[in-house]
C-alpha atoms as a PDB file:
ATOM      1  CA  UNK A   1      32.934  13.427  -4.664  1.00  0.00           C
ATOM      2  CA  UNK A   2      32.296  11.684  -1.359  1.00  0.00           C
ATOM      3  CA  UNK A   3      29.431   9.205  -0.968  1.00  0.00           C
ATOM      4  CA  UNK A   4      26.835  10.505   1.514  1.00  0.00           C
ATOM      5  CA  UNK A   5      24.541   7.890   3.063  1.00  0.00           C
ATOM      6  CA  UNK A   6      21.555   7.925   5.409  1.00  0.00           C
ATOM      7  CA  UNK A   7      19.128   5.315   6.713  1.00  0.00           C
ATOM      8  CA  UNK A   8      15.375   5.848   6.935  1.00  0.00           C
ATOM      9  CA  UNK A   9      12.475   3.745   8.161  1.00  0.00           C
ATOM     10  CA  UNK A  10       8.857   3.920   7.026  1.00  0.00           C
ATOM     11  CA  UNK A  11       6.152   2.260   9.126  1.00  0.00           C
ATOM     12  CA  UNK A  12       2.852   1.506   7.395  1.00  0.00           C
ATOM     13  CA  UNK A  13       0.046   0.455   9.754  1.00  0.00           C
ATOM     14  CA  UNK A  14      -2.595  -0.946   7.437  1.00  0.00           C
ATOM     15  CA  UNK A  15      -5.867  -2.783   7.875  1.00  0.00           C
ATOM     16  CA  UNK A  16      -4.389  -6.179   7.014  1.00  0.00           C
ATOM     17  CA  UNK A  17      -0.759  -5.903   8.105  1.00  0.00           C
ATOM     18  CA  UNK A  18       1.843  -3.668   9.732  1.00  0.00           C
ATOM     19  CA  UNK A  19       5.107  -3.084   7.844  1.00  0.00           C
ATOM     20  CA  UNK A  20       8.528  -1.687   8.662  1.00  0.00           C
ATOM     21  CA  UNK A  21      10.680  -0.742   5.660  1.00  0.00           C
ATOM     22  CA  UNK A  22      14.292   0.280   6.284  1.00  0.00           C
ATOM     23  CA  UNK A  23      16.190   1.798   3.361  1.00  0.00           C
ATOM     24  CA  UNK A  24      19.713   3.038   2.729  1.00  0.00           C
ATOM     25  CA  UNK A  25      19.753   6.273   0.740  1.00  0.00           C
ATOM     26  CA  UNK A  26      22.998   7.189  -1.011  1.00  0.00           C
ATOM     27  CA  UNK A  27      23.907  10.544  -2.576  1.00  0.00           C
ATOM     28  CA  UNK A  28      26.730  10.410  -5.105  1.00  0.00           C
ATOM     29  CA  UNK A  29      27.649  12.758  -7.924  1.00  0.00           C
ATOM     30  CA  UNK A  30      24.280  14.462  -7.923  1.00  0.00           C
ATOM     31  CA  UNK A  31      22.271  11.254  -8.027  1.00  0.00           C
ATOM     32  CA  UNK A  32      20.196   9.528  -5.345  1.00  0.00           C
ATOM     33  CA  UNK A  33      20.162   5.762  -4.889  1.00  0.00           C
ATOM     34  CA  UNK A  34      17.578   3.930  -2.748  1.00  0.00           C
ATOM     35  CA  UNK A  35      18.452   0.458  -1.482  1.00  0.00           C
ATOM     36  CA  UNK A  36      16.118  -1.678   0.619  1.00  0.00           C
ATOM     37  CA  UNK A  37      17.829  -3.084   3.718  1.00  0.00           C
ATOM     38  CA  UNK A  38      14.966  -4.770   5.499  1.00  0.00           C
ATOM     39  CA  UNK A  39      11.206  -5.293   5.215  1.00  0.00           C
ATOM     40  CA  UNK A  40       9.324  -6.714   8.188  1.00  0.00           C
ATOM     41  CA  UNK A  41       5.633  -7.543   7.832  1.00  0.00           C
ATOM     42  CA  UNK A  42       3.344  -8.532  10.715  1.00  0.00           C
ATOM     43  CA  UNK A  43      -0.227  -9.679   9.796  1.00  0.00           C
ATOM     44  CA  UNK A  44      -2.107  -8.146  12.735  1.00  0.00           C
ATOM     45  CA  UNK A  45      -5.276  -7.476  10.688  1.00  0.00           C
ATOM     46  CA  UNK A  46      -6.626  -4.482  12.608  1.00  0.00           C
ATOM     47  CA  UNK A  47      -9.404  -4.066  10.034  1.00  0.00           C
ATOM     48  CA  UNK A  48     -11.116  -7.256  11.133  1.00  0.00           C
ATOM     49  CA  UNK A  49     -11.593  -5.719  14.596  1.00  0.00           C
ATOM     50  CA  UNK A  50     -12.532  -2.244  13.478  1.00  0.00           C
ATOM     51  CA  UNK A  51     -14.831  -2.928  10.538  1.00  0.00           C
ATOM     52  CA  UNK A  52     -16.813  -5.509  12.530  1.00  0.00           C
ATOM     53  CA  UNK A  53     -16.743  -4.101  16.076  1.00  0.00           C
ATOM     54  CA  UNK A  54     -15.699  -0.471  15.721  1.00  0.00           C
ATOM     55  CA  UNK A  55     -12.566  -0.737  17.847  1.00  0.00           C
ATOM     56  CA  UNK A  56      -9.233  -2.509  18.122  1.00  0.00           C
ATOM     57  CA  UNK A  57      -9.403  -5.478  20.491  1.00  0.00           C
ATOM     58  CA  UNK A  58      -7.215  -5.792  23.584  1.00  0.00           C
ATOM     59  CA  UNK A  59      -5.427  -8.729  21.933  1.00  0.00           C
ATOM     60  CA  UNK A  60      -4.506  -6.776  18.817  1.00  0.00           C
ATOM     61  CA  UNK A  61      -3.661  -3.677  20.829  1.00  0.00           C
ATOM     62  CA  UNK A  62      -1.075  -5.758  22.683  1.00  0.00           C
ATOM     63  CA  UNK A  63       0.189  -7.233  19.416  1.00  0.00           C
ATOM     64  CA  UNK A  64       0.558  -3.704  18.056  1.00  0.00           C
ATOM     65  CA  UNK A  65       2.593  -2.710  21.117  1.00  0.00           C
ATOM     66  CA  UNK A  66       4.846  -5.735  20.711  1.00  0.00           C
ATOM     67  CA  UNK A  67       5.289  -4.984  17.000  1.00  0.00           C
ATOM     68  CA  UNK A  68       6.180  -1.333  17.606  1.00  0.00           C
ATOM     69  CA  UNK A  69       8.660  -2.266  20.343  1.00  0.00           C
ATOM     70  CA  UNK A  70      10.268  -4.743  17.933  1.00  0.00           C
ATOM     71  CA  UNK A  71      10.332  -2.099  15.199  1.00  0.00           C
ATOM     72  CA  UNK A  72      11.988   0.332  17.605  1.00  0.00           C
ATOM     73  CA  UNK A  73      14.747  -2.189  18.381  1.00  0.00           C
ATOM     74  CA  UNK A  74      15.227  -3.009  14.677  1.00  0.00           C
ATOM     75  CA  UNK A  75      15.615   0.700  13.903  1.00  0.00           C
ATOM     76  CA  UNK A  76      18.167   1.000  16.705  1.00  0.00           C
ATOM     77  CA  UNK A  77      20.018  -2.065  15.405  1.00  0.00           C
ATOM     78  CA  UNK A  78      20.208  -0.604  11.889  1.00  0.00           C
ATOM     79  CA  UNK A  79      21.129   2.861  13.243  1.00  0.00           C
ATOM     80  CA  UNK A  80      18.279   4.560  11.411  1.00  0.00           C
ATOM     81  CA  UNK A  81      18.644   8.330  11.082  1.00  0.00           C
ATOM     82  CA  UNK A  82      14.938   9.112  10.957  1.00  0.00           C
ATOM     83  CA  UNK A  83      11.552   7.404  10.727  1.00  0.00           C
ATOM     84  CA  UNK A  84       7.915   8.130   9.964  1.00  0.00           C
ATOM     85  CA  UNK A  85       4.899   6.033  10.948  1.00  0.00           C
ATOM     86  CA  UNK A  86       1.427   6.317   9.443  1.00  0.00           C
ATOM     87  CA  UNK A  87      -1.819   4.455  10.132  1.00  0.00           C
ATOM     88  CA  UNK A  88      -4.549   4.194   7.521  1.00  0.00           C
ATOM     89  CA  UNK A  89      -8.155   3.029   7.206  1.00  0.00           C
ATOM     90  CA  UNK A  90      -8.543   0.709  10.222  1.00  0.00           C
ATOM     91  CA  UNK A  91      -6.861   2.974  12.745  1.00  0.00           C
ATOM     92  CA  UNK A  92      -8.690   6.100  11.571  1.00  0.00           C
ATOM     93  CA  UNK A  93     -12.067   4.321  11.800  1.00  0.00           C
ATOM     94  CA  UNK A  94     -11.356   2.853  15.243  1.00  0.00           C
ATOM     95  CA  UNK A  95     -12.960   4.394  18.320  1.00  0.00           C
ATOM     96  CA  UNK A  96      -9.808   3.675  20.378  1.00  0.00           C
ATOM     97  CA  UNK A  97      -7.228   4.406  17.680  1.00  0.00           C
ATOM     98  CA  UNK A  98      -5.986   7.687  19.201  1.00  0.00           C
ATOM     99  CA  UNK A  99      -5.715   6.074  22.628  1.00  0.00           C
ATOM    100  CA  UNK A 100      -3.535   3.262  21.230  1.00  0.00           C
ATOM    101  CA  UNK A 101      -1.378   5.743  19.299  1.00  0.00           C
ATOM    102  CA  UNK A 102      -0.751   7.652  22.551  1.00  0.00           C
ATOM    103  CA  UNK A 103       0.177   4.462  24.391  1.00  0.00           C
ATOM    104  CA  UNK A 104       2.592   3.397  21.639  1.00  0.00           C
ATOM    105  CA  UNK A 105       4.251   6.838  21.710  1.00  0.00           C
ATOM    106  CA  UNK A 106       4.657   6.592  25.487  1.00  0.00           C
ATOM    107  CA  UNK A 107       6.030   3.030  25.403  1.00  0.00           C
ATOM    108  CA  UNK A 108       8.282   3.254  22.330  1.00  0.00           C
ATOM    109  CA  UNK A 109       8.741   6.887  21.323  1.00  0.00           C
ATOM    110  CA  UNK A 110       7.270   6.077  17.884  1.00  0.00           C
ATOM    111  CA  UNK A 111       4.747   8.762  16.964  1.00  0.00           C
ATOM    112  CA  UNK A 112       2.077   7.483  14.610  1.00  0.00           C
ATOM    113  CA  UNK A 113       0.152   9.834  12.329  1.00  0.00           C
ATOM    114  CA  UNK A 114      -3.386   8.666  11.607  1.00  0.00           C
ATOM    115  CA  UNK A 115      -3.991   9.809   8.044  1.00  0.00           C
ATOM    116  CA  UNK A 116      -7.092  10.208   5.904  1.00  0.00           C
ATOM    117  CA  UNK A 117      -7.510   8.844   2.401  1.00  0.00           C
ATOM    118  CA  UNK A 118      -6.333  12.054   0.728  1.00  0.00           C
ATOM    119  CA  UNK A 119      -3.130  12.128   2.772  1.00  0.00           C
ATOM    120  CA  UNK A 120      -2.594   8.434   2.043  1.00  0.00           C
ATOM    121  CA  UNK A 121      -2.796   9.104  -1.697  1.00  0.00           C
ATOM    122  CA  UNK A 122      -0.337  12.007  -1.315  1.00  0.00           C
ATOM    123  CA  UNK A 123       2.167   9.805   0.511  1.00  0.00           C
ATOM    124  CA  UNK A 124       1.870   7.095  -2.127  1.00  0.00           C
ATOM    125  CA  UNK A 125       2.552   9.835  -4.697  1.00  0.00           C
ATOM    126  CA  UNK A 126       5.682  10.699  -2.685  1.00  0.00           C
ATOM    127  CA  UNK A 127       7.185   7.413  -3.946  1.00  0.00           C
ATOM    128  CA  UNK A 128       8.141   9.656  -6.897  1.00  0.00           C
ATOM    129  CA  UNK A 129       6.734   7.028  -9.224  1.00  0.00           C
ATOM    130  CA  UNK A 130       6.296   9.782 -11.808  1.00  0.00           C
ATOM    131  CA  UNK A 131      10.079  10.013 -12.217  1.00  0.00           C
ATOM    132  CA  UNK A 132      10.235   6.550 -13.807  1.00  0.00           C
ATOM    133  CA  UNK A 133       7.168   6.878 -16.009  1.00  0.00           C
ATOM    134  CA  UNK A 134       7.115   7.455 -19.747  1.00  0.00           C
ATOM    135  CA  UNK A 135       5.753  10.989 -20.111  1.00  0.00           C
ATOM    136  CA  UNK A 136       4.184  10.073 -23.446  1.00  0.00           C
ATOM    137  CA  UNK A 137       1.798   7.691 -21.656  1.00  0.00           C
ATOM    138  CA  UNK A 138      -1.079   8.026 -19.198  1.00  0.00           C
ATOM    139  CA  UNK A 139      -1.184   6.011 -15.986  1.00  0.00           C
ATOM    140  CA  UNK A 140      -3.653   5.018 -13.286  1.00  0.00           C
ATOM    141  CA  UNK A 141      -2.016   4.171  -9.951  1.00  0.00           C
ATOM    142  CA  UNK A 142      -4.100   1.625  -8.006  1.00  0.00           C
ATOM    143  CA  UNK A 143      -3.234   0.958  -4.362  1.00  0.00           C
ATOM    144  CA  UNK A 144      -5.457  -1.736  -2.826  1.00  0.00           C
ATOM    145  CA  UNK A 145      -5.421  -2.222   0.940  1.00  0.00           C
ATOM    146  CA  UNK A 146      -7.499  -4.022   3.514  1.00  0.00           C
ATOM    147  CA  UNK A 147      -9.711  -1.030   4.241  1.00  0.00           C
ATOM    148  CA  UNK A 148      -9.476   1.279   1.254  1.00  0.00           C
ATOM    149  CA  UNK A 149      -8.367   1.715  -2.339  1.00  0.00           C
ATOM    150  CA  UNK A 150      -6.485   4.812  -3.508  1.00  0.00           C
ATOM    151  CA  UNK A 151      -6.564   5.813  -7.175  1.00  0.00           C
ATOM    152  CA  UNK A 152      -4.272   8.409  -8.774  1.00  0.00           C
ATOM    153  CA  UNK A 153      -4.210   9.536 -12.405  1.00  0.00           C
ATOM    154  CA  UNK A 154      -0.950  10.619 -14.079  1.00  0.00           C
ATOM    155  CA  UNK A 155      -0.499  12.351 -17.430  1.00  0.00           C
ATOM    156  CA  UNK A 156       2.773  13.757 -18.800  1.00  0.00           C
ATOM    157  CA  UNK A 157       4.461  12.340 -15.675  1.00  0.00           C
ATOM    158  CA  UNK A 158       2.390  14.667 -13.480  1.00  0.00           C
ATOM    159  CA  UNK A 159      -0.336  13.862 -10.996  1.00  0.00           C
ATOM    160  CA  UNK A 160      -3.736  14.994 -12.293  1.00  0.00           C
ATOM    161  CA  UNK A 161      -6.143  13.889  -9.572  1.00  0.00           C
ATOM    162  CA  UNK A 162      -6.605  11.235  -6.888  1.00  0.00           C
ATOM    163  CA  UNK A 163      -9.379   9.762  -4.744  1.00  0.00           C
ATOM    164  CA  UNK A 164      -9.745   7.309  -1.866  1.00  0.00           C
ATOM    165  CA  UNK A 165     -12.596   4.804  -1.557  1.00  0.00           C
ATOM    166  CA  UNK A 166     -13.716   2.685   1.403  1.00  0.00           C
ATOM    167  CA  UNK A 167     -13.348  -0.452  -0.696  1.00  0.00           C
ATOM    168  CA  UNK A 168     -10.766  -2.851   0.710  1.00  0.00           C
ATOM    169  CA  UNK A 169     -10.138  -6.571   0.830  1.00  0.00           C
ATOM    170  CA  UNK A 170     -11.127  -7.060   4.476  1.00  0.00           C
ATOM    171  CA  UNK A 171     -14.278  -4.967   4.031  1.00  0.00           C
ATOM    172  CA  UNK A 172     -15.266  -7.134   1.036  1.00  0.00           C
ATOM    173  CA  UNK A 173     -14.416 -10.324   2.926  1.00  0.00           C
ATOM    174  CA  UNK A 174     -16.992  -9.400   5.561  1.00  0.00           C
ATOM    175  CA  UNK A 175     -19.535  -7.913   3.120  1.00  0.00           C
ATOM    176  CA  UNK A 176     -19.019  -4.397   4.481  1.00  0.00           C
ATOM    177  CA  UNK A 177     -18.693  -2.425   1.225  1.00  0.00           C
ATOM    178  CA  UNK A 178     -21.807  -0.450   0.404  1.00  0.00           C
ATOM    179  CA  UNK A 179     -23.151  -0.644  -3.147  1.00  0.00           C
ATOM    180  CA  UNK A 180     -23.064   3.175  -3.247  1.00  0.00           C
ATOM    181  CA  UNK A 181     -19.298   3.133  -2.647  1.00  0.00           C
ATOM    182  CA  UNK A 182     -18.788   0.868  -5.664  1.00  0.00           C
ATOM    183  CA  UNK A 183     -20.945   3.268  -7.684  1.00  0.00           C
ATOM    184  CA  UNK A 184     -18.915   6.232  -6.423  1.00  0.00           C
ATOM    185  CA  UNK A 185     -15.700   4.570  -7.601  1.00  0.00           C
ATOM    186  CA  UNK A 186     -17.251   3.613 -10.947  1.00  0.00           C
ATOM    187  CA  UNK A 187     -18.538   7.144 -11.584  1.00  0.00           C
ATOM    188  CA  UNK A 188     -15.251   8.757 -10.506  1.00  0.00           C
ATOM    189  CA  UNK A 189     -13.329   6.592 -12.950  1.00  0.00           C
ATOM    190  CA  UNK A 190     -15.758   7.186 -15.794  1.00  0.00           C
ATOM    191  CA  UNK A 191     -15.586  10.964 -15.276  1.00  0.00           C
ATOM    192  CA  UNK A 192     -11.851  11.293 -14.641  1.00  0.00           C
ATOM    193  CA  UNK A 193     -10.359   8.527 -16.786  1.00  0.00           C
ATOM    194  CA  UNK A 194     -12.435   8.997 -19.942  1.00  0.00           C
ATOM    195  CA  UNK A 195     -10.266  11.839 -21.296  1.00  0.00           C
ATOM    196  CA  UNK A 196      -7.121   9.693 -21.144  1.00  0.00           C
ATOM    197  CA  UNK A 197      -6.556   7.162 -23.905  1.00  0.00           C
ATOM    198  CA  UNK A 198      -4.407   4.049 -23.640  1.00  0.00           C
ATOM    199  CA  UNK A 199      -4.307   4.100 -19.845  1.00  0.00           C
ATOM    200  CA  UNK A 200      -1.752   1.777 -18.263  1.00  0.00           C
ATOM    201  CA  UNK A 201      -2.379   0.796 -14.642  1.00  0.00           C
ATOM    202  CA  UNK A 202       0.260   0.647 -11.931  1.00  0.00           C
ATOM    203  CA  UNK A 203      -0.572  -1.829  -9.161  1.00  0.00           C
ATOM    204  CA  UNK A 204       0.430  -1.481  -5.523  1.00  0.00           C
ATOM    205  CA  UNK A 205      -0.140  -3.728  -2.520  1.00  0.00           C
ATOM    206  CA  UNK A 206       0.771  -7.217  -1.385  1.00  0.00           C
ATOM    207  CA  UNK A 207      -2.015  -8.923  -3.321  1.00  0.00           C
ATOM    208  CA  UNK A 208      -1.131  -7.570  -6.755  1.00  0.00           C
ATOM    209  CA  UNK A 209       2.526  -8.345  -6.023  1.00  0.00           C
ATOM    210  CA  UNK A 210       1.517 -11.953  -5.400  1.00  0.00           C
ATOM    211  CA  UNK A 211      -0.683 -12.126  -8.520  1.00  0.00           C
ATOM    212  CA  UNK A 212       2.201 -10.692 -10.551  1.00  0.00           C
ATOM    213  CA  UNK A 213       4.504 -13.403  -9.213  1.00  0.00           C
ATOM    214  CA  UNK A 214       1.920 -16.143  -9.828  1.00  0.00           C
ATOM    215  CA  UNK A 215       1.679 -14.993 -13.449  1.00  0.00           C
ATOM    216  CA  UNK A 216       5.463 -15.345 -13.791  1.00  0.00           C
ATOM    217  CA  UNK A 217       5.943 -11.634 -14.503  1.00  0.00           C
ATOM    218  CA  UNK A 218       9.183  -9.753 -13.778  1.00  0.00           C
ATOM    219  CA  UNK A 219      10.972  -6.551 -14.728  1.00  0.00           C
ATOM    220  CA  UNK A 220       7.941  -4.343 -15.415  1.00  0.00           C
ATOM    221  CA  UNK A 221       6.303  -6.791 -17.828  1.00  0.00           C
ATOM    222  CA  UNK A 222       2.613  -6.049 -18.306  1.00  0.00           C
ATOM    223  CA  UNK A 223       0.001  -8.157 -16.503  1.00  0.00           C
ATOM    224  CA  UNK A 224      -3.147  -8.223 -18.591  1.00  0.00           C
ATOM    225  CA  UNK A 225      -6.658  -7.966 -17.130  1.00  0.00           C
ATOM    226  CA  UNK A 226      -7.526 -11.305 -18.759  1.00  0.00           C
ATOM    227  CA  UNK A 227      -4.592 -12.882 -16.900  1.00  0.00           C
ATOM    228  CA  UNK A 228      -5.831 -11.491 -13.580  1.00  0.00           C
ATOM    229  CA  UNK A 229      -9.271 -12.918 -14.375  1.00  0.00           C
ATOM    230  CA  UNK A 230      -7.773 -16.356 -15.044  1.00  0.00           C
ATOM    231  CA  UNK A 231      -5.816 -16.191 -11.781  1.00  0.00           C
ATOM    232  CA  UNK A 232      -8.967 -15.157  -9.911  1.00  0.00           C
ATOM    233  CA  UNK A 233     -10.808 -18.168 -11.364  1.00  0.00           C
ATOM    234  CA  UNK A 234      -7.900 -20.442 -10.467  1.00  0.00           C
ATOM    235  CA  UNK A 235      -7.805 -19.159  -6.885  1.00  0.00           C
ATOM    236  CA  UNK A 236     -11.580 -19.514  -6.543  1.00  0.00           C
ATOM    237  CA  UNK A 237     -11.337 -23.161  -7.641  1.00  0.00           C
ATOM    238  CA  UNK A 238      -9.427 -23.907  -4.430  1.00  0.00           C
ATOM    239  CA  UNK A 239     -10.822 -23.544  -0.916  1.00  0.00           C
ATOM    240  CA  UNK A 240      -8.976 -21.504   1.720  1.00  0.00           C
ATOM    241  CA  UNK A 241      -7.058 -24.471   3.108  1.00  0.00           C
ATOM    242  CA  UNK A 242      -5.961 -25.551  -0.369  1.00  0.00           C
ATOM    243  CA  UNK A 243      -4.756 -22.053  -1.208  1.00  0.00           C
ATOM    244  CA  UNK A 244      -2.513 -22.221   1.857  1.00  0.00           C
ATOM    245  CA  UNK A 245      -1.265 -25.793   1.418  1.00  0.00           C
ATOM    246  CA  UNK A 246      -1.257 -26.285  -2.364  1.00  0.00           C
ATOM    247  CA  UNK A 247      -0.746 -22.754  -3.701  1.00  0.00           C
ATOM    248  CA  UNK A 248       1.618 -21.873  -0.854  1.00  0.00           C
ATOM    249  CA  UNK A 249      -0.135 -18.610   0.069  1.00  0.00           C
ATOM    250  CA  UNK A 250       0.304 -17.068   3.501  1.00  0.00           C
ATOM    251  CA  UNK A 251      -2.685 -17.613   5.773  1.00  0.00           C
ATOM    252  CA  UNK A 252      -3.443 -13.889   5.808  1.00  0.00           C
ATOM    253  CA  UNK A 253      -3.130 -13.680   2.011  1.00  0.00           C
ATOM    254  CA  UNK A 254      -5.185 -16.746   1.052  1.00  0.00           C
ATOM    255  CA  UNK A 255      -8.544 -15.182   1.958  1.00  0.00           C
ATOM    256  CA  UNK A 256      -8.048 -11.595   0.726  1.00  0.00           C
ATOM    257  CA  UNK A 257      -6.363 -12.215  -2.631  1.00  0.00           C
ATOM    258  CA  UNK A 258      -9.669 -12.969  -4.399  1.00  0.00           C
ATOM    259  CA  UNK A 259     -11.352  -9.736  -3.171  1.00  0.00           C
ATOM    260  CA  UNK A 260      -8.206  -7.865  -4.259  1.00  0.00           C
ATOM    261  CA  UNK A 261      -8.435  -9.421  -7.730  1.00  0.00           C
ATOM    262  CA  UNK A 262     -12.049  -8.292  -7.896  1.00  0.00           C
ATOM    263  CA  UNK A 263     -11.123  -4.696  -7.028  1.00  0.00           C
ATOM    264  CA  UNK A 264      -8.383  -4.589  -9.662  1.00  0.00           C
ATOM    265  CA  UNK A 265     -10.638  -6.084 -12.342  1.00  0.00           C
ATOM    266  CA  UNK A 266     -13.415  -3.572 -11.621  1.00  0.00           C
ATOM    267  CA  UNK A 267     -11.009  -0.618 -11.686  1.00  0.00           C
ATOM    268  CA  UNK A 268      -9.433  -1.808 -14.931  1.00  0.00           C
ATOM    269  CA  UNK A 269     -12.824  -2.334 -16.558  1.00  0.00           C
ATOM    270  CA  UNK A 270     -14.275   1.028 -15.488  1.00  0.00           C
ATOM    271  CA  UNK A 271     -11.126   2.954 -16.454  1.00  0.00           C
ATOM    272  CA  UNK A 272     -10.773   1.026 -19.748  1.00  0.00           C
ATOM    273  CA  UNK A 273      -7.212   0.092 -18.846  1.00  0.00           C
ATOM    274  CA  UNK A 274      -6.308  -3.422 -19.950  1.00  0.00           C
ATOM    275  CA  UNK A 275      -2.892  -4.001 -18.385  1.00  0.00           C
ATOM    276  CA  UNK A 276      -1.046  -3.332 -15.130  1.00  0.00           C
ATOM    277  CA  UNK A 277       2.614  -3.054 -14.172  1.00  0.00           C
ATOM    278  CA  UNK A 278       3.812  -3.715 -10.612  1.00  0.00           C
ATOM    279  CA  UNK A 279       6.913  -1.748  -9.510  1.00  0.00           C
ATOM    280  CA  UNK A 280       6.559  -2.917  -5.870  1.00  0.00           C
ATOM    281  CA  UNK A 281       6.398   0.550  -4.301  1.00  0.00           C
ATOM    282  CA  UNK A 282       3.902   1.562  -1.648  1.00  0.00           C
ATOM    283  CA  UNK A 283       3.159   3.822   1.307  1.00  0.00           C
ATOM    284  CA  UNK A 284       6.296   2.946   3.281  1.00  0.00           C
ATOM    285  CA  UNK A 285       8.439   3.781   0.213  1.00  0.00           C
ATOM    286  CA  UNK A 286       6.672   7.145   0.030  1.00  0.00           C
ATOM    287  CA  UNK A 287       7.487   7.824   3.689  1.00  0.00           C
ATOM    288  CA  UNK A 288      11.188   7.133   3.120  1.00  0.00           C
ATOM    289  CA  UNK A 289      11.329   9.382   0.063  1.00  0.00           C
ATOM    290  CA  UNK A 290       9.427  12.127   1.876  1.00  0.00           C
ATOM    291  CA  UNK A 291      11.962  12.134   4.730  1.00  0.00           C
ATOM    292  CA  UNK A 292      14.849  12.227   2.289  1.00  0.00           C
ATOM    293  CA  UNK A 293      13.358  15.073   0.233  1.00  0.00           C
ATOM    294  CA  UNK A 294      12.784  17.118   3.420  1.00  0.00           C
ATOM    295  CA  UNK A 295      16.382  16.555   4.451  1.00  0.00           C
ATOM    296  CA  UNK A 296      17.612  17.706   1.025  1.00  0.00           C
ATOM    297  CA  UNK A 297      15.291  20.768   1.123  1.00  0.00           C
ATOM    298  CA  UNK A 298      16.608  21.780   4.548  1.00  0.00           C
ATOM    299  CA  UNK A 299      20.144  21.742   3.191  1.00  0.00           C
ATOM    300  CA  UNK A 300      19.305  24.088   0.318  1.00  0.00           C
END
C-alpha cells in the first residue's frame, strides 16, 4: 500500500501568544500518523490590550499583520495543503477584532474565525485525545489560556460535558477575574465532577508544559497537585527578573506561570483530582486533526 501524505497548518491566536503549528499527516495501511514539522510562537499578548482597554492597540495590530504575513510565507515554504486559523478570548472581546480579521484576510488571504468558548472546547476535543485514553478511567481536560479556561469531562473515552470560563492568566495578572466567575467554575466542577471517582486531569497550555518540564516529568508521568504547589511556591520566591535570569523562563512566561499554577490548583481541588498528565496537545492540534478528518470524510 502506498504512503499518502498531506501537510496542514493550525493557527491559534490566543490572549498571550499567537502560534503556527505545521504537521505532516501520513496514511499507511489503514493507520494515521501525525508528525510535527514546525511550531512558531509569537508572544504578542493581545489580552493585555483588550482586557484593559477594550481593543487591540495599533502597535499590536501591526504586529499581528507581520505575524500573519510571516505565517503565510512559512506555509508556502512548507507547501501546506490546507490551514485553519482561530482566535479566542482576546479577539472575541475586542471592539476592533472583526476589523483586524478583515484586514488580515485582505493582506494575507488567511481567514480567521473568531470563536466562542464552546467552539474552543469543541476544537480542543478535536485533538482526539479520547483515542489515547484508558476507557476504564475518568478524565478532566484542563486548557488554561491567557483569557479563558476550558474544562472537558471524559468518561469511557467519551466526552460528557464541557464549559468555558473567563478565567485566564492575563486576566488574573491584572486583577480582572470576577469573584462570581471563580464561584461559577467551582460550582460547575462540584456539580459535574462529583459523580466521577478517581478523576485524572489532563493539562494543556504553555504554562503546564513548563511546570511539567520543571518537575522533570516525561512520557505521561503523573504530576501531582502537591508538586504543582511546591513549584508555585518556588516561583513565588523569585521576583520577575529572577524568574527570567535564574530560572530561565521566557519574559512572557515569567509573569503568567504563577496565575496558571493557581488556576490548575483550584481546578484540581474543586474536582477532587490529585494528579495531571501533560500530552502537549492543544487548539492548533485540534485544528489540524479537524482538517484531516474532513478530508477523510469527503473521500468516503
